[in-house]
Every structure is written in structure tokens, then in C-alpha cells.
C-alpha atoms as a PDB file:
ATOM      1  CA  MET A   1       0.084   0.015   0.029  1.00  0.00           C
ATOM      2  CA  ALA A   2       1.288   3.444  -0.852  1.00  0.00           C
ATOM      3  CA  PRO A   3       2.592   5.361   2.159  1.00  0.00           C
ATOM      4  CA  LEU A   4       0.624   8.485   3.373  1.00  0.00           C
ATOM      5  CA  PRO A   5       1.904  11.740   1.942  1.00  0.00           C
ATOM      6  CA  ALA A   6       4.239  13.803   4.060  1.00  0.00           C
ATOM      7  CA  VAL A   7       3.702  17.343   4.815  1.00  0.00           C
ATOM      8  CA  ARG A   8       4.986  19.459   2.024  1.00  0.00           C
ATOM      9  CA  GLU A   9       8.136  21.385   3.136  1.00  0.00           C
ATOM     10  CA  PRO A  10       7.324  25.155   3.307  1.00  0.00           C
ATOM     11  CA  ILE A  11      10.831  26.152   2.467  1.00  0.00           C
ATOM     12  CA  THR A  12      12.866  25.105  -0.681  1.00  0.00           C
ATOM     13  CA  ALA A  13      16.306  26.162   0.395  1.00  0.00           C
ATOM     14  CA  VAL A  14      19.200  23.767   0.843  1.00  0.00           C
ATOM     15  CA  GLN A  15      18.629  21.803   4.036  1.00  0.00           C
ATOM     16  CA  THR A  16      21.902  22.014   5.887  1.00  0.00           C
ATOM     17  CA  GLY A  17      23.027  22.989   9.294  1.00  0.00           C
ATOM     18  CA  LYS A  18      20.717  25.122  11.426  1.00  0.00           C
ATOM     19  CA  LEU A  19      18.222  25.411   8.573  1.00  0.00           C
ATOM     20  CA  ALA A  20      17.464  21.699   8.545  1.00  0.00           C
ATOM     21  CA  THR A  21      16.844  21.847  12.286  1.00  0.00           C
ATOM     22  CA  ASP A  22      14.362  24.791  11.694  1.00  0.00           C
ATOM     23  CA  LEU A  23      12.674  23.117   8.964  1.00  0.00           C
ATOM     24  CA  GLU A  24      12.153  19.991  10.880  1.00  0.00           C
ATOM     25  CA  ALA A  25      10.534  22.123  13.554  1.00  0.00           C
ATOM     26  CA  ALA A  26       8.419  23.805  11.004  1.00  0.00           C
ATOM     27  CA  LEU A  27       7.051  20.569   9.609  1.00  0.00           C
ATOM     28  CA  SER A  28       6.303  19.455  13.183  1.00  0.00           C
ATOM     29  CA  TYR A  29       4.252  22.588  13.714  1.00  0.00           C
ATOM     30  CA  ALA A  30       2.523  22.067  10.429  1.00  0.00           C
ATOM     31  CA  LYS A  31       1.416  18.659  11.496  1.00  0.00           C
ATOM     32  CA  ALA A  32       0.122  20.073  14.676  1.00  0.00           C
ATOM     33  CA  GLU A  33      -2.300  22.172  12.705  1.00  0.00           C
ATOM     34  CA  LYS A  34      -4.929  19.348  13.193  1.00  0.00           C
ATOM     35  CA  ALA A  35      -5.880  17.975  16.439  1.00  0.00           C
ATOM     36  CA  PRO A  36      -4.404  14.461  17.000  1.00  0.00           C
ATOM     37  CA  ASN A  37      -7.798  12.790  16.840  1.00  0.00           C
ATOM     38  CA  THR A  38      -8.587  14.606  13.545  1.00  0.00           C
ATOM     39  CA  ARG A  39      -5.310  13.659  12.006  1.00  0.00           C
ATOM     40  CA  ARG A  40      -5.697   9.986  12.927  1.00  0.00           C
ATOM     41  CA  ALA A  41      -9.217  10.021  11.445  1.00  0.00           C
ATOM     42  CA  TYR A  42      -7.932  11.684   8.167  1.00  0.00           C
ATOM     43  CA  GLU A  43      -5.049   9.174   7.988  1.00  0.00           C
ATOM     44  CA  THR A  44      -7.616   6.167   8.297  1.00  0.00           C
ATOM     45  CA  ASP A  45      -9.845   7.754   5.720  1.00  0.00           C
ATOM     46  CA  HIS A  46      -7.062   8.322   3.231  1.00  0.00           C
ATOM     47  CA  ARG A  47      -5.623   4.788   3.705  1.00  0.00           C
ATOM     48  CA  LEU A  48      -9.091   3.442   2.938  1.00  0.00           C
ATOM     49  CA  PHE A  49      -9.099   5.423  -0.297  1.00  0.00           C
ATOM     50  CA  VAL A  50      -5.542   4.394  -1.248  1.00  0.00           C
ATOM     51  CA  ALA A  51      -6.649   0.676  -0.689  1.00  0.00           C
ATOM     52  CA  TRP A  52      -9.764   1.109  -2.817  1.00  0.00           C
ATOM     53  CA  CYS A  53      -7.650   2.603  -5.821  1.00  0.00           C
ATOM     54  CA  GLU A  54      -5.075  -0.145  -5.537  1.00  0.00           C
ATOM     55  CA  ALA A  55      -7.803  -2.890  -5.362  1.00  0.00           C
ATOM     56  CA  ARG A  56      -9.152  -1.489  -8.667  1.00  0.00           C
ATOM     57  CA  GLY A  57      -5.873  -0.989 -10.486  1.00  0.00           C
ATOM     58  CA  ILE A  58      -6.232   2.877 -10.389  1.00  0.00           C
ATOM     59  CA  PRO A  59      -2.490   3.963 -10.898  1.00  0.00           C
ATOM     60  CA  SER A  60      -2.676   7.049  -8.632  1.00  0.00           C
ATOM     61  CA  SER A  61      -4.587   7.969  -5.590  1.00  0.00           C
ATOM     62  CA  LEU A  62      -2.462  11.178  -5.114  1.00  0.00           C
ATOM     63  CA  PRO A  63      -3.392  13.013  -7.167  1.00  0.00           C
ATOM     64  CA  ALA A  64      -6.692  11.498  -7.471  1.00  0.00           C
ATOM     65  CA  THR A  65      -9.036  12.121 -10.624  1.00  0.00           C
ATOM     66  CA  PRO A  66     -12.566  13.460  -9.951  1.00  0.00           C
ATOM     67  CA  ASP A  67     -13.940  10.371 -11.650  1.00  0.00           C
ATOM     68  CA  ALA A  68     -12.051   8.007  -9.282  1.00  0.00           C
ATOM     69  CA  LEU A  69     -13.208  10.012  -6.245  1.00  0.00           C
ATOM     70  CA  ALA A  70     -16.888  10.016  -7.425  1.00  0.00           C
ATOM     71  CA  ALA A  71     -16.745   6.277  -7.904  1.00  0.00           C
ATOM     72  CA  PHE A  72     -15.170   5.796  -4.563  1.00  0.00           C
ATOM     73  CA  LEU A  73     -18.112   7.708  -2.919  1.00  0.00           C
ATOM     74  CA  ALA A  74     -20.565   5.583  -4.820  1.00  0.00           C
ATOM     75  CA  ALA A  75     -18.840   2.352  -3.679  1.00  0.00           C
ATOM     76  CA  GLU A  76     -18.888   3.502   0.001  1.00  0.00           C
ATOM     77  CA  ALA A  77     -22.479   4.480  -0.234  1.00  0.00           C
ATOM     78  CA  GLU A  78     -23.382   1.061  -1.560  1.00  0.00           C
ATOM     79  CA  ALA A  79     -21.443  -0.380   1.284  1.00  0.00           C
ATOM     80  CA  GLY A  80     -23.849   1.408   3.770  1.00  0.00           C
ATOM     81  CA  ARG A  81     -21.609   4.390   4.810  1.00  0.00           C
ATOM     82  CA  ARG A  82     -23.587   7.385   5.871  1.00  0.00           C
ATOM     83  CA  PRO A  83     -23.331  10.747   4.055  1.00  0.00           C
ATOM     84  CA  SER A  84     -21.549  12.296   7.227  1.00  0.00           C
ATOM     85  CA  THR A  85     -18.840   9.573   6.933  1.00  0.00           C
ATOM     86  CA  LEU A  86     -18.440  10.263   3.183  1.00  0.00           C
ATOM     87  CA  GLY A  87     -18.030  14.021   3.987  1.00  0.00           C
ATOM     88  CA  ARG A  88     -15.155  13.209   6.330  1.00  0.00           C
ATOM     89  CA  ARG A  89     -13.700  10.901   3.710  1.00  0.00           C
ATOM     90  CA  LEU A  90     -13.735  13.870   1.226  1.00  0.00           C
ATOM     91  CA  ALA A  91     -12.154  16.236   3.875  1.00  0.00           C
ATOM     92  CA  ALA A  92      -9.254  13.710   4.428  1.00  0.00           C
ATOM     93  CA  ILE A  93      -8.643  13.501   0.745  1.00  0.00           C
ATOM     94  CA  ARG A  94      -8.735  17.128   0.351  1.00  0.00           C
ATOM     95  CA  TYR A  95      -6.273  17.578   3.262  1.00  0.00           C
ATOM     96  CA  PHE A  96      -3.719  15.244   1.932  1.00  0.00           C
ATOM     97  CA  HIS A  97      -3.815  16.845  -1.552  1.00  0.00           C
ATOM     98  CA  LYS A  98      -3.282  20.293  -0.064  1.00  0.00           C
ATOM     99  CA  LEU A  99      -0.368  18.985   1.993  1.00  0.00           C
ATOM    100  CA  ALA A 100       1.176  17.561  -1.166  1.00  0.00           C
ATOM    101  CA  GLY A 101       0.725  20.857  -3.016  1.00  0.00           C
ATOM    102  CA  LEU A 102      -1.667  19.362  -5.488  1.00  0.00           C
ATOM    103  CA  PRO A 103      -5.111  20.416  -6.939  1.00  0.00           C
ATOM    104  CA  THR A 104      -7.968  19.161  -4.855  1.00  0.00           C
ATOM    105  CA  PRO A 105     -10.294  16.816  -6.905  1.00  0.00           C
ATOM    106  CA  THR A 106     -12.837  17.290  -4.113  1.00  0.00           C
ATOM    107  CA  ASP A 107     -13.925  20.573  -5.792  1.00  0.00           C
ATOM    108  CA  ALA A 108     -14.958  19.005  -9.095  1.00  0.00           C
ATOM    109  CA  GLU A 109     -18.656  19.254  -9.732  1.00  0.00           C
ATOM    110  CA  ALA A 110     -18.798  15.496 -10.470  1.00  0.00           C
ATOM    111  CA  VAL A 111     -17.733  14.826  -6.982  1.00  0.00           C
ATOM    112  CA  LYS A 112     -20.025  17.324  -5.390  1.00  0.00           C
ATOM    113  CA  ALA A 113     -22.984  16.152  -7.506  1.00  0.00           C
ATOM    114  CA  THR A 114     -22.338  12.586  -6.479  1.00  0.00           C
ATOM    115  CA  LEU A 115     -22.294  13.410  -2.748  1.00  0.00           C
ATOM    116  CA  ARG A 116     -25.612  15.507  -3.209  1.00  0.00           C
ATOM    117  CA  GLY A 117     -27.189  12.469  -4.951  1.00  0.00           C
ATOM    118  CA  ILE A 118     -26.166  10.237  -2.172  1.00  0.00           C
ATOM    119  CA  ARG A 119     -27.594  12.507   0.416  1.00  0.00           C
ATOM    120  CA  ARG A 120     -30.846  12.842  -1.466  1.00  0.00           C
ATOM    121  CA  SER A 121     -31.094   9.178  -2.050  1.00  0.00           C
ATOM    122  CA  VAL A 122     -30.288   7.879   1.414  1.00  0.00           C
ATOM    123  CA  GLY A 123     -30.834  10.869   3.639  1.00  0.00           C
ATOM    124  CA  SER A 124     -28.370  12.581   5.771  1.00  0.00           C
ATOM    125  CA  ALA A 125     -30.040  12.797   9.268  1.00  0.00           C
ATOM    126  CA  LYS A 126     -27.706  12.001  12.026  1.00  0.00           C
ATOM    127  CA  VAL A 127     -28.300   9.028  14.217  1.00  0.00           C
ATOM    128  CA  ARG A 128     -28.891  10.670  17.629  1.00  0.00           C
ATOM    129  CA  LYS A 129     -27.645   9.023  20.726  1.00  0.00           C
ATOM    130  CA  ALA A 130     -29.659   9.075  23.952  1.00  0.00           C
ATOM    131  CA  PRO A 131     -28.678  11.675  26.563  1.00  0.00           C
ATOM    132  CA  ALA A 132     -27.581  10.208  29.988  1.00  0.00           C
ATOM    133  CA  LEU A 133     -29.986  12.205  32.138  1.00  0.00           C
ATOM    134  CA  ALA A 134     -29.467  12.966  35.729  1.00  0.00           C
ATOM    135  CA  GLU A 135     -31.852  10.236  36.988  1.00  0.00           C
ATOM    136  CA  HIS A 136     -29.893   7.831  34.674  1.00  0.00           C
ATOM    137  CA  LEU A 137     -26.709   8.904  36.248  1.00  0.00           C
ATOM    138  CA  LYS A 138     -27.926   8.274  39.852  1.00  0.00           C
ATOM    139  CA  ALA A 139     -29.182   4.868  38.913  1.00  0.00           C
ATOM    140  CA  MET A 140     -25.844   3.923  37.156  1.00  0.00           C
ATOM    141  CA  VAL A 141     -23.784   5.068  40.237  1.00  0.00           C
ATOM    142  CA  ALA A 142     -26.087   3.203  42.653  1.00  0.00           C
ATOM    143  CA  ALA A 143     -25.753  -0.018  40.611  1.00  0.00           C
ATOM    144  CA  SER A 144     -21.829   0.142  40.074  1.00  0.00           C
ATOM    145  CA  SER A 145     -19.547  -2.013  41.963  1.00  0.00           C
ATOM    146  CA  ASP A 146     -17.187  -0.873  44.725  1.00  0.00           C
ATOM    147  CA  THR A 147     -14.150  -2.273  42.922  1.00  0.00           C
ATOM    148  CA  LEU A 148     -11.313  -0.063  41.802  1.00  0.00           C
ATOM    149  CA  ALA A 149     -12.808  -0.090  38.300  1.00  0.00           C
ATOM    150  CA  GLY A 150     -16.021   0.776  39.782  1.00  0.00           C
ATOM    151  CA  LYS A 151     -14.716   3.733  41.724  1.00  0.00           C
ATOM    152  CA  ARG A 152     -13.108   4.955  38.502  1.00  0.00           C
ATOM    153  CA  ASP A 153     -16.269   4.588  36.496  1.00  0.00           C
ATOM    154  CA  ARG A 154     -18.341   6.288  39.037  1.00  0.00           C
ATOM    155  CA  ALA A 155     -15.845   9.313  39.192  1.00  0.00           C
ATOM    156  CA  LEU A 156     -15.619   9.402  35.318  1.00  0.00           C
ATOM    157  CA  LEU A 157     -19.394   9.538  34.821  1.00  0.00           C
ATOM    158  CA  LEU A 158     -20.128  11.928  37.515  1.00  0.00           C
ATOM    159  CA  VAL A 159     -17.310  14.383  36.648  1.00  0.00           C
ATOM    160  CA  GLY A 160     -18.025  14.011  32.986  1.00  0.00           C
ATOM    161  CA  PHE A 161     -21.681  14.729  33.457  1.00  0.00           C
ATOM    162  CA  ALA A 162     -21.296  17.566  35.960  1.00  0.00           C
ATOM    163  CA  GLY A 163     -18.774  19.487  33.776  1.00  0.00           C
ATOM    164  CA  ALA A 164     -20.555  18.697  30.542  1.00  0.00           C
ATOM    165  CA  PHE A 165     -17.221  17.295  29.194  1.00  0.00           C
ATOM    166  CA  ARG A 166     -16.550  16.174  25.727  1.00  0.00           C
ATOM    167  CA  ARG A 167     -14.968  12.743  26.066  1.00  0.00           C
ATOM    168  CA  SER A 168     -11.591  14.113  24.509  1.00  0.00           C
ATOM    169  CA  GLU A 169     -11.596  16.723  27.304  1.00  0.00           C
ATOM    170  CA  LEU A 170     -12.295  14.168  30.046  1.00  0.00           C
ATOM    171  CA  VAL A 171      -9.365  11.930  29.161  1.00  0.00           C
ATOM    172  CA  MET A 172      -7.014  14.864  28.849  1.00  0.00           C
ATOM    173  CA  LEU A 173      -7.549  16.043  32.450  1.00  0.00           C
ATOM    174  CA  ASP A 174      -4.591  15.828  34.866  1.00  0.00           C
ATOM    175  CA  VAL A 175      -4.631  15.968  38.592  1.00  0.00           C
ATOM    176  CA  ALA A 176      -3.027  19.393  38.411  1.00  0.00           C
ATOM    177  CA  ASP A 177      -6.101  20.639  36.546  1.00  0.00           C
ATOM    178  CA  ILE A 178      -8.331  20.016  39.536  1.00  0.00           C
ATOM    179  CA  GLU A 179      -8.734  22.404  42.472  1.00  0.00           C
ATOM    180  CA  GLU A 180     -11.189  21.486  45.244  1.00  0.00           C
ATOM    181  CA  ASN A 181     -12.998  24.073  47.271  1.00  0.00           C
ATOM    182  CA  GLU A 182     -16.082  24.326  49.395  1.00  0.00           C
ATOM    183  CA  ALA A 183     -18.478  24.647  46.660  1.00  0.00           C
ATOM    184  CA  GLY A 184     -17.021  21.909  44.345  1.00  0.00           C
ATOM    185  CA  LEU A 185     -14.227  21.664  41.782  1.00  0.00           C
ATOM    186  CA  ARG A 186     -12.518  24.421  39.697  1.00  0.00           C
ATOM    187  CA  VAL A 187     -11.384  22.432  36.570  1.00  0.00           C
ATOM    188  CA  ILE A 188      -9.026  23.742  33.907  1.00  0.00           C
ATOM    189  CA  ILE A 189      -9.699  22.632  30.450  1.00  0.00           C
ATOM    190  CA  ARG A 190      -6.403  23.294  28.627  1.00  0.00           C
ATOM    191  CA  ARG A 191      -7.466  22.517  25.123  1.00  0.00           C
ATOM    192  CA  SER A 192     -10.812  21.545  23.550  1.00  0.00           C
ATOM    193  CA  LYS A 193     -12.544  21.211  20.262  1.00  0.00           C
ATOM    194  CA  THR A 194     -13.423  24.881  20.193  1.00  0.00           C
ATOM    195  CA  ASP A 195     -10.105  25.946  21.618  1.00  0.00           C
ATOM    196  CA  GLN A 196      -7.520  24.529  19.214  1.00  0.00           C
ATOM    197  CA  ASP A 197      -4.927  27.282  20.282  1.00  0.00           C
ATOM    198  CA  GLY A 198      -4.935  25.989  23.765  1.00  0.00           C
ATOM    199  CA  GLU A 199      -5.965  29.209  25.546  1.00  0.00           C
ATOM    200  CA  GLY A 200      -7.677  27.207  28.125  1.00  0.00           C
ATOM    201  CA  THR A 201     -10.828  27.819  30.216  1.00  0.00           C
ATOM    202  CA  ILE A 202     -11.914  27.237  33.751  1.00  0.00           C
ATOM    203  CA  ILE A 203     -15.364  25.684  34.636  1.00  0.00           C
ATOM    204  CA  ALA A 204     -17.005  24.824  37.927  1.00  0.00           C
ATOM    205  CA  VAL A 205     -18.261  21.420  38.865  1.00  0.00           C
ATOM    206  CA  ALA A 206     -20.814  21.654  41.667  1.00  0.00           C
ATOM    207  CA  ARG A 207     -21.147  19.096  44.556  1.00  0.00           C
ATOM    208  CA  GLY A 208     -24.066  16.778  44.610  1.00  0.00           C
ATOM    209  CA  SER A 209     -26.254  15.362  47.432  1.00  0.00           C
ATOM    210  CA  VAL A 210     -27.196  12.068  46.081  1.00  0.00           C
ATOM    211  CA  ALA A 211     -24.303  11.376  43.675  1.00  0.00           C
ATOM    212  CA  CYS A 212     -21.449  13.812  44.344  1.00  0.00           C
ATOM    213  CA  PRO A 213     -18.672  14.015  41.665  1.00  0.00           C
ATOM    214  CA  VAL A 214     -16.263  15.581  44.228  1.00  0.00           C
ATOM    215  CA  ARG A 215     -16.643  12.658  46.671  1.00  0.00           C
ATOM    216  CA  ALA A 216     -16.495  10.055  43.803  1.00  0.00           C
ATOM    217  CA  LEU A 217     -13.244  11.609  42.430  1.00  0.00           C
ATOM    218  CA  ASN A 218     -11.546  11.726  45.765  1.00  0.00           C
ATOM    219  CA  GLU A 219     -12.497   8.054  46.399  1.00  0.00           C
ATOM    220  CA  TRP A 220     -10.957   7.091  42.992  1.00  0.00           C
ATOM    221  CA  LEU A 221      -7.820   9.004  43.352  1.00  0.00           C
ATOM    222  CA  ALA A 222      -7.318   7.650  46.887  1.00  0.00           C
ATOM    223  CA  ALA A 223      -8.010   3.978  46.015  1.00  0.00           C
ATOM    224  CA  ALA A 224      -5.692   4.225  42.898  1.00  0.00           C
ATOM    225  CA  GLY A 225      -2.963   6.144  44.656  1.00  0.00           C
ATOM    226  CA  ILE A 226      -2.877   8.766  42.009  1.00  0.00           C
ATOM    227  CA  GLU A 227      -1.156  12.071  43.048  1.00  0.00           C
ATOM    228  CA  SER A 228      -0.166  13.442  39.702  1.00  0.00           C
ATOM    229  CA  GLY A 229      -0.479  12.943  35.903  1.00  0.00           C
ATOM    230  CA  PRO A 230      -3.528  11.607  34.153  1.00  0.00           C
ATOM    231  CA  LEU A 231      -6.831  11.733  36.090  1.00  0.00           C
ATOM    232  CA  PHE A 232      -8.538   8.789  34.521  1.00  0.00           C
ATOM    233  CA  ARG A 233      -6.459   5.557  33.635  1.00  0.00           C
ATOM    234  CA  PRO A 234      -6.865   2.042  32.431  1.00  0.00           C
ATOM    235  CA  ILE A 235      -6.841  -0.818  34.966  1.00  0.00           C
ATOM    236  CA  ASN A 236      -5.534  -4.205  33.905  1.00  0.00           C
ATOM    237  CA  ARG A 237      -6.991  -7.668  34.925  1.00  0.00           C
ATOM    238  CA  ALA A 238      -4.631  -7.720  38.050  1.00  0.00           C
ATOM    239  CA  SER A 239      -6.230  -4.436  39.263  1.00  0.00           C
ATOM    240  CA  LYS A 240      -3.025  -2.512  38.428  1.00  0.00           C
ATOM    241  CA  VAL A 241      -3.593   1.117  37.422  1.00  0.00           C
ATOM    242  CA  SER A 242      -1.805   2.234  34.252  1.00  0.00           C
ATOM    243  CA  GLN A 243       0.406   5.378  33.957  1.00  0.00           C
ATOM    244  CA  ASN A 244      -1.304   6.073  30.587  1.00  0.00           C
ATOM    245  CA  ARG A 245      -4.660   7.945  29.981  1.00  0.00           C
ATOM    246  CA  LEU A 246      -8.007   6.332  29.181  1.00  0.00           C
ATOM    247  CA  THR A 247      -8.943   6.768  25.443  1.00  0.00           C
ATOM    248  CA  SER A 248     -11.957   8.485  24.156  1.00  0.00           C
ATOM    249  CA  ARG A 249     -13.206   5.024  22.957  1.00  0.00           C
ATOM    250  CA  SER A 250     -12.882   3.700  26.568  1.00  0.00           C
ATOM    251  CA  VAL A 251     -15.166   6.490  27.917  1.00  0.00           C
ATOM    252  CA  ALA A 252     -17.809   5.545  25.429  1.00  0.00           C
ATOM    253  CA  ASN A 253     -17.513   1.840  26.356  1.00  0.00           C
ATOM    254  CA  ILE A 254     -17.835   2.591  29.987  1.00  0.00           C
ATOM    255  CA  ILE A 255     -21.004   4.733  29.463  1.00  0.00           C
ATOM    256  CA  LYS A 256     -22.438   1.902  27.321  1.00  0.00           C
ATOM    257  CA  LYS A 257     -21.620  -0.760  29.867  1.00  0.00           C
ATOM    258  CA  MET A 258     -23.218   1.163  32.892  1.00  0.00           C
ATOM    259  CA  ALA A 259     -26.317   2.051  30.806  1.00  0.00           C
ATOM    260  CA  GLY A 260     -26.715  -1.643  30.063  1.00  0.00           C
ATOM    261  CA  ALA A 261     -26.256  -2.545  33.690  1.00  0.00           C
ATOM    262  CA  ILE A 262     -29.538  -0.558  34.581  1.00  0.00           C
ATOM    263  CA  GLY A 263     -31.450  -2.040  31.795  1.00  0.00           C
ATOM    264  CA  LEU A 264     -31.071   0.697  29.267  1.00  0.00           C
ATOM    265  CA  ASP A 265     -30.191  -0.049  25.525  1.00  0.00           C
ATOM    266  CA  ALA A 266     -26.478   0.389  25.538  1.00  0.00           C
ATOM    267  CA  ALA A 267     -26.350   0.942  21.792  1.00  0.00           C
ATOM    268  CA  MET A 268     -28.240   4.180  22.191  1.00  0.00           C
ATOM    269  CA  PHE A 269     -25.573   5.762  24.395  1.00  0.00           C
ATOM    270  CA  SER A 270     -22.173   7.220  23.375  1.00  0.00           C
ATOM    271  CA  GLY A 271     -19.331   9.304  24.733  1.00  0.00           C
ATOM    272  CA  HIS A 272     -21.422  12.358  23.992  1.00  0.00           C
ATOM    273  CA  SER A 273     -24.317  11.104  26.332  1.00  0.00           C
ATOM    274  CA  LEU A 274     -22.869  12.746  29.389  1.00  0.00           C
ATOM    275  CA  ARG A 275     -22.545  16.225  27.845  1.00  0.00           C
ATOM    276  CA  SER A 276     -26.000  15.993  26.138  1.00  0.00           C
ATOM    277  CA  GLY A 277     -27.484  14.483  29.389  1.00  0.00           C
ATOM    278  CA  PHE A 278     -26.224  17.448  31.394  1.00  0.00           C
ATOM    279  CA  LEU A 279     -27.694  19.997  29.111  1.00  0.00           C
ATOM    280  CA  THR A 280     -30.950  18.265  28.631  1.00  0.00           C
ATOM    281  CA  SER A 281     -31.247  17.788  32.412  1.00  0.00           C
ATOM    282  CA  ALA A 282     -30.266  21.350  33.183  1.00  0.00           C
ATOM    283  CA  ALA A 283     -32.915  22.634  30.701  1.00  0.00           C
ATOM    284  CA  ALA A 284     -35.601  20.458  32.090  1.00  0.00           C
ATOM    285  CA  SER A 285     -34.698  21.904  35.482  1.00  0.00           C
ATOM    286  CA  GLY A 286     -35.188  25.586  34.270  1.00  0.00           C
ATOM    287  CA  ALA A 287     -31.553  26.586  34.361  1.00  0.00           C
ATOM    288  CA  SER A 288     -30.552  29.771  32.653  1.00  0.00           C
ATOM    289  CA  ILE A 289     -29.188  29.211  29.098  1.00  0.00           C
ATOM    290  CA  PHE A 290     -26.345  31.428  29.914  1.00  0.00           C
ATOM    291  CA  LYS A 291     -25.430  29.418  33.017  1.00  0.00           C
ATOM    292  CA  MET A 292     -25.641  26.346  30.846  1.00  0.00           C
ATOM    293  CA  MET A 293     -23.198  27.990  28.432  1.00  0.00           C
ATOM    294  CA  ASP A 294     -20.762  28.819  31.251  1.00  0.00           C
ATOM    295  CA  VAL A 295     -20.410  25.034  31.901  1.00  0.00           C
ATOM    296  CA  SER A 296     -20.745  23.676  28.175  1.00  0.00           C
ATOM    297  CA  ARG A 297     -18.755  26.510  26.786  1.00  0.00           C
ATOM    298  CA  HIS A 298     -20.940  26.648  23.829  1.00  0.00           C
ATOM    299  CA  ARG A 299     -20.308  29.809  21.627  1.00  0.00           C
ATOM    300  CA  SER A 300     -23.820  29.950  20.206  1.00  0.00           C
ATOM    301  CA  VAL A 301     -27.119  30.030  21.775  1.00  0.00           C
ATOM    302  CA  GLU A 302     -28.531  28.387  18.687  1.00  0.00           C
ATOM    303  CA  THR A 303     -26.575  25.341  19.450  1.00  0.00           C
ATOM    304  CA  LEU A 304     -28.229  24.906  22.725  1.00  0.00           C
ATOM    305  CA  ARG A 305     -31.734  25.355  21.440  1.00  0.00           C
ATOM    306  CA  GLY A 306     -32.063  21.686  20.513  1.00  0.00           C
ATOM    307  CA  TYR A 307     -31.330  20.590  24.045  1.00  0.00           C
ATOM    308  CA  ILE A 308     -33.940  23.166  25.425  1.00  0.00           C
ATOM    309  CA  ARG A 309     -36.520  22.081  22.872  1.00  0.00           C
ATOM    310  CA  ASP A 310     -35.982  18.381  23.781  1.00  0.00           C
ATOM    311  CA  ALA A 311     -36.470  19.034  27.437  1.00  0.00           C
ATOM    312  CA  GLU A 312     -39.606  21.266  26.910  1.00  0.00           C
ATOM    313  CA  LEU A 313     -41.208  19.193  24.177  1.00  0.00           C
ATOM    314  CA  PHE A 314     -44.560  18.756  25.786  1.00  0.00           C
ATOM    315  CA  LYS A 315     -44.394  21.871  28.015  1.00  0.00           C
ATOM    316  CA  ASP A 316     -47.311  24.194  27.235  1.00  0.00           C
ATOM    317  CA  HIS A 317     -48.027  22.001  24.150  1.00  0.00           C
ATOM    318  CA  ALA A 318     -50.399  23.699  21.709  1.00  0.00           C
ATOM    319  CA  GLY A 319     -52.502  20.365  21.570  1.00  0.00           C
ATOM    320  CA  ALA A 320     -52.736  20.017  25.274  1.00  0.00           C
ATOM    321  CA  GLY A 321     -56.393  19.510  26.327  1.00  0.00           C
ATOM    322  CA  LEU A 322     -57.757  19.507  22.760  1.00  0.00           C
ATOM    323  CA  LEU A 323     -58.710  15.712  22.801  1.00  0.00           C
END
């Protein structure tokens, strides 16, 4: 299989001495343009396109022809890929063409028309996962075991819910990012999906009476003997705590497992369920949309309207009492 393209060198001067060192640093910064998760996803998508081209005897995937790319989209659609997935495949192919300094075939009308036709034919509605609501979290915590893994999972879910964390933010937390006070926790989020430059922000995680994220986190850290470094870590079968971080996928798996344990359909839950569950629960309890934004860090009120609408779907319904 053909290797993935390297980042195109931004300077064409002779690479000797100190210049070579500076060029190496420049290439490293260029690669850091995309978040690690985004780059990994793009690399996977591009590899799939390369493999598809090789399997069909297409001589070149870089540069790719619009016809080849349109055929690839059609083949992926026939294999059951969603339009949102195909859109990401195109973004990856466009990205690697730009890195190589090549024209982007994704802009061709034949490619755009193919994707539009796929969306029209199969639909482009997202499959919505269920929010893990406050009552779900309380039940999950009550049903969890008191093992080391159980303590970790309780802390993970309660902190993730109470801070409306994205799973990528949750796994990147360190002990040094947490400060406890009488009201709860001050948490530093050093980098997020909407803060790629790493300016950082501080949010508050409030204490709870029935299921307290502060108490759960302290119990996990004490039991695991964690004093510094990653907050949430893997545990092996011998109950040994790793020095590494949990992955984003692990967060999703833990949520699914705990949802299934209380009789919910695990397939309906995802890593986003904690964040969406907090927002939906807060909206249902009448929280101010601006206070919700303080925790969730949404930049647009419009983005939050969906959560509020879900929470108030039957409130003051126009058809109430008509039948």
C-alpha cells in the first residue's frame, strides 16, 4: 500500500546545518495544525481510499481524478456508509492533496453532484444517541460495584456529566487541573474542540447530594494512589492502574456498559451522552441558558436550542387539552 503523503516542506532552500533543524521544527508545527484525533481519522480515511484505488488498479490516488473519487463515494454509499462519513472521507482526501501541494479533486462538480445525490437518496439525518440524564446517572452510580474499576467509572461519569465534558476533554484532564473548594471543583480545560490554540478555560463542577462528583473523584484517586499525571487511567486484570490515559473510546464503552447495567439499551448511548445529558437535564430543571453555556462552553445560543427544545417538548403544548 502506498505510504501516506508527508507534509510538504514550506521552504525550498538547501537543508543544511541550522536550517535543517528549523525546517524539521516547521514540519512538526505544520502537522500540529490538526488535532491528533482529527489527523488520525484523516489518515484512516485516506488509507481506505488508497486501498480502494489499489484494489481496482487505479494508478494514482495522489493526485486522484474526480472520476475515481466520485466512484469511490458511490462504492462507499453502496457499502452502507452514511453521508456524514463520506463527507469526512472527502475532507481527508482534500487535506492530503493540499499537504502535497496538489489541486484538490474534491472541488470538481462531478464529486459534489455524487455526494448530493447520495444525500438525497439515502438521507443525511444524524443518528442521535440518547442523553444520559440525571436520573440515569444516579441509577448507574447506585448499581456500580465498589471495586477499583467501579470507583473509577463512578468518578468518570459524575465528573463528565457535572462538567458537561466532551470525552476528549475528559481523558486529557490531569490531577494538576483540579482544584477543590467548598462549593465543588475548579477545573482547567487546557484545550478543547473549540479551543484548538490552547488558550484554556476554567469551569465549575458543583457538589451533589445524592451522587457527588467531588466525593467520587476523591475516592477514585485515593484508591488508585494517583497524586499526579492523568486523572482517568486504564486498569488491567490484576487491578493494576496504568500510567497512561484512558482513550476516548474507553469513555464511550464505560458509558454503554453502565447504561446496560441498569436495563437501558447500551447501543443508544455514546461518549457524547454525558454532555448532552447534562444540558438536557439542566434545561428541564429550568436552568438559565447562559449558565448552561458557562459550563458547556458553547459559543452559540442556537446550538443549545435543540437541548432546550427536547427538554420542553411537551411543556405548554399547543394541543394539550384538545382531545
